[in-house]
Amino acid sequence: MTSNHFLKNIYSEENFSKAEQEEIISYFKKTTIEKDTFLYKEGQYLDYFYILEKGFVRSYAIDFNGKEITTEFYSNHSIVIDWGSFFLKNPTQEFYQASVETICWKLNFDDFQKLFHSIKNFRENGRKTLTGNYVQMKNKNLLLITENAKERYLHLLKTRPEVIQNASLKHIATYLGITDTSLSRIRKEISL
């Protein structure tokens, strides 16, 4: 898939006119993020977000004991954004780091605002994306409360196999709210 086709699929003519599609795409800047490079670091104020064409990014926070706790994984076609920092201009409390070389498209806040106020379908698309991210976060929080560790791992395995393929066991364990040892035991049980 060529880069041009990538953004055209994201902002497809099914939802946007050809002129709207061309205008939206013209504001994005293609960038390559090297493996282990940070897209954002704790304390930064975000003035842009990324759409991943190809790659894998992990976000994490540092807990009160100084340990990294994975908060999310982002893969192909994901939007990498800290909503509060981008829209409310608060410093981010997380680190966002590329796990592999990542090709993505970057849009800054001012250009986002231009598109948001001039293209109705872009505004609607943004609302749907924000709502979808909220629902995903809410569901993850509920899983941490309502399911045991094995059920959470099986759910991740079923719904997000790209995480299992790309993330380290240590990062998956912190994402699921369990220890590395517990995750190893669960994986062993499943493989029997």
C-alpha atoms as a PDB file:
ATOM      1  CA  MET A   1       0.000   0.000   0.000  1.00  0.00           C
ATOM      2  CA  THR A   2       1.545   3.305  -0.996  1.00  0.00           C
ATOM      3  CA  SER A   3       1.534   6.213   1.407  1.00  0.00           C
ATOM      4  CA  ASN A   4      -0.907   8.133  -0.744  1.00  0.00           C
ATOM      5  CA  HIS A   5      -3.303   5.206  -0.636  1.00  0.00           C
ATOM      6  CA  PHE A   6      -2.916   4.899   3.129  1.00  0.00           C
ATOM      7  CA  LEU A   7      -4.363   8.333   3.944  1.00  0.00           C
ATOM      8  CA  LYS A   8      -6.930   8.003   1.156  1.00  0.00           C
ATOM      9  CA  ASN A   9      -8.198   4.854   2.867  1.00  0.00           C
ATOM     10  CA  ILE A  10      -8.304   6.579   6.260  1.00  0.00           C
ATOM     11  CA  TYR A  11     -10.154   9.582   4.813  1.00  0.00           C
ATOM     12  CA  SER A  12     -12.031   7.655   2.141  1.00  0.00           C
ATOM     13  CA  GLU A  13     -14.298   9.079  -0.531  1.00  0.00           C
ATOM     14  CA  GLU A  14     -17.063   7.101   1.118  1.00  0.00           C
ATOM     15  CA  ASN A  15     -17.064   9.768   3.863  1.00  0.00           C
ATOM     16  CA  PHE A  16     -15.367  12.746   2.204  1.00  0.00           C
ATOM     17  CA  SER A  17     -15.587  14.483  -1.134  1.00  0.00           C
ATOM     18  CA  LYS A  18     -12.501  14.324  -3.336  1.00  0.00           C
ATOM     19  CA  ALA A  19     -11.738  17.990  -2.544  1.00  0.00           C
ATOM     20  CA  GLU A  20     -12.142  17.408   1.217  1.00  0.00           C
ATOM     21  CA  GLN A  21      -9.946  14.326   1.023  1.00  0.00           C
ATOM     22  CA  GLU A  22      -7.193  16.218  -0.807  1.00  0.00           C
ATOM     23  CA  GLU A  23      -7.362  19.125   1.642  1.00  0.00           C
ATOM     24  CA  ILE A  24      -7.165  16.857   4.690  1.00  0.00           C
ATOM     25  CA  ILE A  25      -4.257  14.840   3.294  1.00  0.00           C
ATOM     26  CA  SER A  26      -2.343  18.011   2.381  1.00  0.00           C
ATOM     27  CA  TYR A  27      -1.982  18.939   6.078  1.00  0.00           C
ATOM     28  CA  PHE A  28      -0.385  15.653   7.150  1.00  0.00           C
ATOM     29  CA  LYS A  29       3.398  15.239   7.197  1.00  0.00           C
ATOM     30  CA  LYS A  30       4.921  11.796   6.728  1.00  0.00           C
ATOM     31  CA  THR A  31       7.592  10.862   9.242  1.00  0.00           C
ATOM     32  CA  THR A  32       9.603   7.801  10.194  1.00  0.00           C
ATOM     33  CA  ILE A  33      10.245   7.131  13.869  1.00  0.00           C
ATOM     34  CA  GLU A  34      13.251   4.925  14.595  1.00  0.00           C
ATOM     35  CA  LYS A  35      12.957   1.963  16.983  1.00  0.00           C
ATOM     36  CA  ASP A  36      13.096   2.979  20.677  1.00  0.00           C
ATOM     37  CA  THR A  37      12.553   6.667  19.836  1.00  0.00           C
ATOM     38  CA  PHE A  38       9.996   8.609  21.868  1.00  0.00           C
ATOM     39  CA  LEU A  39       7.097  10.271  20.084  1.00  0.00           C
ATOM     40  CA  TYR A  40       6.224  12.084  23.324  1.00  0.00           C
ATOM     41  CA  LYS A  41       7.708  12.146  26.811  1.00  0.00           C
ATOM     42  CA  GLU A  42       6.142  12.796  30.189  1.00  0.00           C
ATOM     43  CA  GLY A  43       5.817  16.522  30.840  1.00  0.00           C
ATOM     44  CA  GLN A  44       5.574  17.549  27.182  1.00  0.00           C
ATOM     45  CA  TYR A  45       2.690  19.571  25.826  1.00  0.00           C
ATOM     46  CA  LEU A  46       1.420  17.919  22.665  1.00  0.00           C
ATOM     47  CA  ASP A  47       0.896  20.069  19.606  1.00  0.00           C
ATOM     48  CA  TYR A  48       0.358  17.169  17.176  1.00  0.00           C
ATOM     49  CA  PHE A  49      -0.846  13.587  16.867  1.00  0.00           C
ATOM     50  CA  TYR A  50       0.175  10.662  14.678  1.00  0.00           C
ATOM     51  CA  ILE A  51      -1.648   8.105  12.557  1.00  0.00           C
ATOM     52  CA  LEU A  52       0.442   4.937  12.258  1.00  0.00           C
ATOM     53  CA  GLU A  53       0.776   3.607   8.736  1.00  0.00           C
ATOM     54  CA  LYS A  54       3.090   0.812   9.792  1.00  0.00           C
ATOM     55  CA  GLY A  55       4.698   0.097  13.130  1.00  0.00           C
ATOM     56  CA  PHE A  56       4.081  -0.423  16.808  1.00  0.00           C
ATOM     57  CA  VAL A  57       4.088   2.074  19.694  1.00  0.00           C
ATOM     58  CA  ARG A  58       3.705   1.547  23.427  1.00  0.00           C
ATOM     59  CA  SER A  59       2.577   4.167  25.924  1.00  0.00           C
ATOM     60  CA  TYR A  60       3.452   3.861  29.584  1.00  0.00           C
ATOM     61  CA  ALA A  61       3.509   5.765  32.851  1.00  0.00           C
ATOM     62  CA  ILE A  62       5.863   5.517  35.792  1.00  0.00           C
ATOM     63  CA  ASP A  63       4.093   4.343  38.958  1.00  0.00           C
ATOM     64  CA  PHE A  64       4.776   5.473  42.545  1.00  0.00           C
ATOM     65  CA  ASN A  65       7.471   2.766  42.859  1.00  0.00           C
ATOM     66  CA  GLY A  66       9.300   3.972  39.750  1.00  0.00           C
ATOM     67  CA  LYS A  67       8.154   1.035  37.579  1.00  0.00           C
ATOM     68  CA  GLU A  68       6.945   1.336  33.992  1.00  0.00           C
ATOM     69  CA  ILE A  69       3.261   0.428  33.608  1.00  0.00           C
ATOM     70  CA  THR A  70       2.037  -0.004  30.034  1.00  0.00           C
ATOM     71  CA  THR A  71      -1.119   1.998  29.399  1.00  0.00           C
ATOM     72  CA  GLU A  72      -1.732   1.226  25.718  1.00  0.00           C
ATOM     73  CA  PHE A  73      -0.391  -0.322  22.532  1.00  0.00           C
ATOM     74  CA  TYR A  74      -0.797   1.256  19.094  1.00  0.00           C
ATOM     75  CA  SER A  75      -0.410  -0.594  15.805  1.00  0.00           C
ATOM     76  CA  ASN A  76      -1.153  -0.042  12.106  1.00  0.00           C
ATOM     77  CA  HIS A  77      -3.887   2.559  11.489  1.00  0.00           C
ATOM     78  CA  SER A  78      -4.004   3.620  15.167  1.00  0.00           C
ATOM     79  CA  ILE A  79      -4.101   7.249  16.201  1.00  0.00           C
ATOM     80  CA  VAL A  80      -1.371   7.957  18.751  1.00  0.00           C
ATOM     81  CA  ILE A  81      -2.573  10.837  20.878  1.00  0.00           C
ATOM     82  CA  ASP A  82      -2.880  11.956  24.470  1.00  0.00           C
ATOM     83  CA  TRP A  83      -6.327  13.527  24.197  1.00  0.00           C
ATOM     84  CA  GLY A  84      -5.990  15.672  27.348  1.00  0.00           C
ATOM     85  CA  SER A  85      -2.627  17.062  26.377  1.00  0.00           C
ATOM     86  CA  PHE A  86      -3.601  17.701  22.755  1.00  0.00           C
ATOM     87  CA  PHE A  87      -6.959  19.375  23.408  1.00  0.00           C
ATOM     88  CA  LEU A  88      -6.660  20.763  26.947  1.00  0.00           C
ATOM     89  CA  LYS A  89      -2.984  21.713  26.678  1.00  0.00           C
ATOM     90  CA  ASN A  90      -2.030  19.768  29.804  1.00  0.00           C
ATOM     91  CA  PRO A  91       1.409  18.150  29.991  1.00  0.00           C
ATOM     92  CA  THR A  92       1.242  14.452  29.176  1.00  0.00           C
ATOM     93  CA  GLN A  93       1.836  12.053  32.067  1.00  0.00           C
ATOM     94  CA  GLU A  94       2.947   9.237  29.792  1.00  0.00           C
ATOM     95  CA  PHE A  95       5.795   8.223  27.534  1.00  0.00           C
ATOM     96  CA  TYR A  96       5.033   7.081  23.958  1.00  0.00           C
ATOM     97  CA  GLN A  97       7.810   4.996  22.417  1.00  0.00           C
ATOM     98  CA  ALA A  98       8.183   3.223  19.074  1.00  0.00           C
ATOM     99  CA  SER A  99       8.920  -0.489  19.586  1.00  0.00           C
ATOM    100  CA  VAL A 100       9.962  -0.923  15.943  1.00  0.00           C
ATOM    101  CA  GLU A 101      10.719   1.459  13.095  1.00  0.00           C
ATOM    102  CA  THR A 102       7.394   3.195  12.590  1.00  0.00           C
ATOM    103  CA  ILE A 103       6.029   5.054   9.580  1.00  0.00           C
ATOM    104  CA  CYS A 104       3.375   7.562  10.493  1.00  0.00           C
ATOM    105  CA  TRP A 105       1.577  10.730   9.514  1.00  0.00           C
ATOM    106  CA  LYS A 106       1.673  13.770  11.776  1.00  0.00           C
ATOM    107  CA  LEU A 107      -0.944  16.533  12.092  1.00  0.00           C
ATOM    108  CA  ASN A 108      -0.417  19.603  14.258  1.00  0.00           C
ATOM    109  CA  PHE A 109      -3.055  21.238  16.435  1.00  0.00           C
ATOM    110  CA  ASP A 110      -3.532  24.399  14.355  1.00  0.00           C
ATOM    111  CA  ASP A 111      -4.057  22.399  11.162  1.00  0.00           C
ATOM    112  CA  PHE A 112      -6.395  20.033  13.004  1.00  0.00           C
ATOM    113  CA  GLN A 113      -8.438  23.063  14.131  1.00  0.00           C
ATOM    114  CA  LYS A 114      -8.639  24.406  10.572  1.00  0.00           C
ATOM    115  CA  LEU A 115      -9.929  21.064   9.310  1.00  0.00           C
ATOM    116  CA  PHE A 116     -12.244  20.594  12.293  1.00  0.00           C
ATOM    117  CA  HIS A 117     -13.955  23.942  11.713  1.00  0.00           C
ATOM    118  CA  SER A 118     -14.085  23.824   7.926  1.00  0.00           C
ATOM    119  CA  ILE A 119     -15.036  20.208   7.110  1.00  0.00           C
ATOM    120  CA  LYS A 120     -18.154  18.821   8.789  1.00  0.00           C
ATOM    121  CA  ASN A 121     -17.276  15.174   8.079  1.00  0.00           C
ATOM    122  CA  PHE A 122     -13.790  15.657   9.548  1.00  0.00           C
ATOM    123  CA  ARG A 123     -15.439  16.975  12.725  1.00  0.00           C
ATOM    124  CA  GLU A 124     -17.819  13.989  12.805  1.00  0.00           C
ATOM    125  CA  ASN A 125     -14.951  11.572  12.165  1.00  0.00           C
ATOM    126  CA  GLY A 126     -13.042  13.126  15.084  1.00  0.00           C
ATOM    127  CA  ARG A 127     -16.061  12.800  17.378  1.00  0.00           C
ATOM    128  CA  LYS A 128     -16.460   9.121  16.480  1.00  0.00           C
ATOM    129  CA  THR A 129     -12.749   8.485  17.047  1.00  0.00           C
ATOM    130  CA  LEU A 130     -12.786  10.193  20.442  1.00  0.00           C
ATOM    131  CA  THR A 131     -15.912   8.266  21.471  1.00  0.00           C
ATOM    132  CA  GLY A 132     -14.396   4.983  20.272  1.00  0.00           C
ATOM    133  CA  ASN A 133     -11.232   5.611  22.290  1.00  0.00           C
ATOM    134  CA  TYR A 134     -13.275   6.426  25.375  1.00  0.00           C
ATOM    135  CA  VAL A 135     -15.276   3.192  25.015  1.00  0.00           C
ATOM    136  CA  GLN A 136     -12.080   1.169  24.533  1.00  0.00           C
ATOM    137  CA  MET A 137     -10.540   2.697  27.676  1.00  0.00           C
ATOM    138  CA  LYS A 138     -13.739   2.110  29.677  1.00  0.00           C
ATOM    139  CA  ASN A 139     -13.891  -1.529  28.547  1.00  0.00           C
ATOM    140  CA  LYS A 140     -10.241  -2.076  29.494  1.00  0.00           C
ATOM    141  CA  ASN A 141     -10.905  -0.656  32.965  1.00  0.00           C
ATOM    142  CA  LEU A 142     -13.938  -2.910  33.385  1.00  0.00           C
ATOM    143  CA  LEU A 143     -11.923  -5.973  32.327  1.00  0.00           C
ATOM    144  CA  LEU A 144      -9.367  -5.185  35.038  1.00  0.00           C
ATOM    145  CA  ILE A 145     -12.198  -5.252  37.590  1.00  0.00           C
ATOM    146  CA  THR A 146     -14.476  -8.007  36.298  1.00  0.00           C
ATOM    147  CA  GLU A 147     -12.129 -10.634  34.829  1.00  0.00           C
ATOM    148  CA  ASN A 148      -9.321 -12.643  36.313  1.00  0.00           C
ATOM    149  CA  ALA A 149      -5.796 -12.506  34.885  1.00  0.00           C
ATOM    150  CA  LYS A 150      -6.238 -15.534  32.613  1.00  0.00           C
ATOM    151  CA  GLU A 151      -9.495 -14.169  31.176  1.00  0.00           C
ATOM    152  CA  ARG A 152      -7.857 -10.778  30.539  1.00  0.00           C
ATOM    153  CA  TYR A 153      -4.970 -12.443  28.701  1.00  0.00           C
ATOM    154  CA  LEU A 154      -7.321 -14.604  26.612  1.00  0.00           C
ATOM    155  CA  HIS A 155      -9.367 -11.513  25.747  1.00  0.00           C
ATOM    156  CA  LEU A 156      -6.205  -9.676  24.619  1.00  0.00           C
ATOM    157  CA  LEU A 157      -5.092 -12.723  22.628  1.00  0.00           C
ATOM    158  CA  LYS A 158      -8.456 -12.862  20.849  1.00  0.00           C
ATOM    159  CA  THR A 159      -9.078  -9.168  20.249  1.00  0.00           C
ATOM    160  CA  ARG A 160      -5.569  -7.762  19.733  1.00  0.00           C
ATOM    161  CA  PRO A 161      -3.211 -10.462  18.407  1.00  0.00           C
ATOM    162  CA  GLU A 162      -0.833  -7.768  17.107  1.00  0.00           C
ATOM    163  CA  VAL A 163      -0.014  -6.912  20.738  1.00  0.00           C
ATOM    164  CA  ILE A 164       0.951 -10.510  21.490  1.00  0.00           C
ATOM    165  CA  GLN A 165       3.118 -10.563  18.341  1.00  0.00           C
ATOM    166  CA  ASN A 166       4.919  -7.256  18.948  1.00  0.00           C
ATOM    167  CA  ALA A 167       5.110  -6.530  22.679  1.00  0.00           C
ATOM    168  CA  SER A 168       7.407  -8.057  25.267  1.00  0.00           C
ATOM    169  CA  LEU A 169       5.884 -10.281  27.952  1.00  0.00           C
ATOM    170  CA  LYS A 170       6.928  -7.734  30.576  1.00  0.00           C
ATOM    171  CA  HIS A 171       4.996  -4.968  28.816  1.00  0.00           C
ATOM    172  CA  ILE A 172       1.952  -7.183  28.260  1.00  0.00           C
ATOM    173  CA  ALA A 173       1.962  -8.162  31.936  1.00  0.00           C
ATOM    174  CA  THR A 174       1.929  -4.547  33.150  1.00  0.00           C
ATOM    175  CA  TYR A 175      -0.816  -3.723  30.631  1.00  0.00           C
ATOM    176  CA  LEU A 176      -2.928  -6.565  32.051  1.00  0.00           C
ATOM    177  CA  GLY A 177      -2.166  -5.561  35.637  1.00  0.00           C
ATOM    178  CA  ILE A 178      -0.301  -8.768  36.503  1.00  0.00           C
ATOM    179  CA  THR A 179       3.267  -9.870  37.179  1.00  0.00           C
ATOM    180  CA  ASP A 180       5.605 -11.403  34.585  1.00  0.00           C
ATOM    181  CA  THR A 181       5.531 -14.639  36.588  1.00  0.00           C
ATOM    182  CA  SER A 182       1.723 -14.789  36.510  1.00  0.00           C
ATOM    183  CA  LEU A 183       1.700 -14.176  32.780  1.00  0.00           C
ATOM    184  CA  SER A 184       4.267 -16.928  32.183  1.00  0.00           C
ATOM    185  CA  ARG A 185       2.158 -19.341  34.263  1.00  0.00           C
ATOM    186  CA  ILE A 186      -1.007 -18.404  32.325  1.00  0.00           C
ATOM    187  CA  ARG A 187       0.738 -18.881  28.969  1.00  0.00           C
ATOM    188  CA  LYS A 188       2.026 -22.269  30.113  1.00  0.00           C
ATOM    189  CA  GLU A 189      -1.486 -23.352  31.213  1.00  0.00           C
ATOM    190  CA  ILE A 190      -2.958 -22.315  27.876  1.00  0.00           C
ATOM    191  CA  SER A 191      -0.343 -24.185  25.855  1.00  0.00           C
ATOM    192  CA  LEU A 192      -0.956 -27.485  27.688  1.00  0.00           C
END
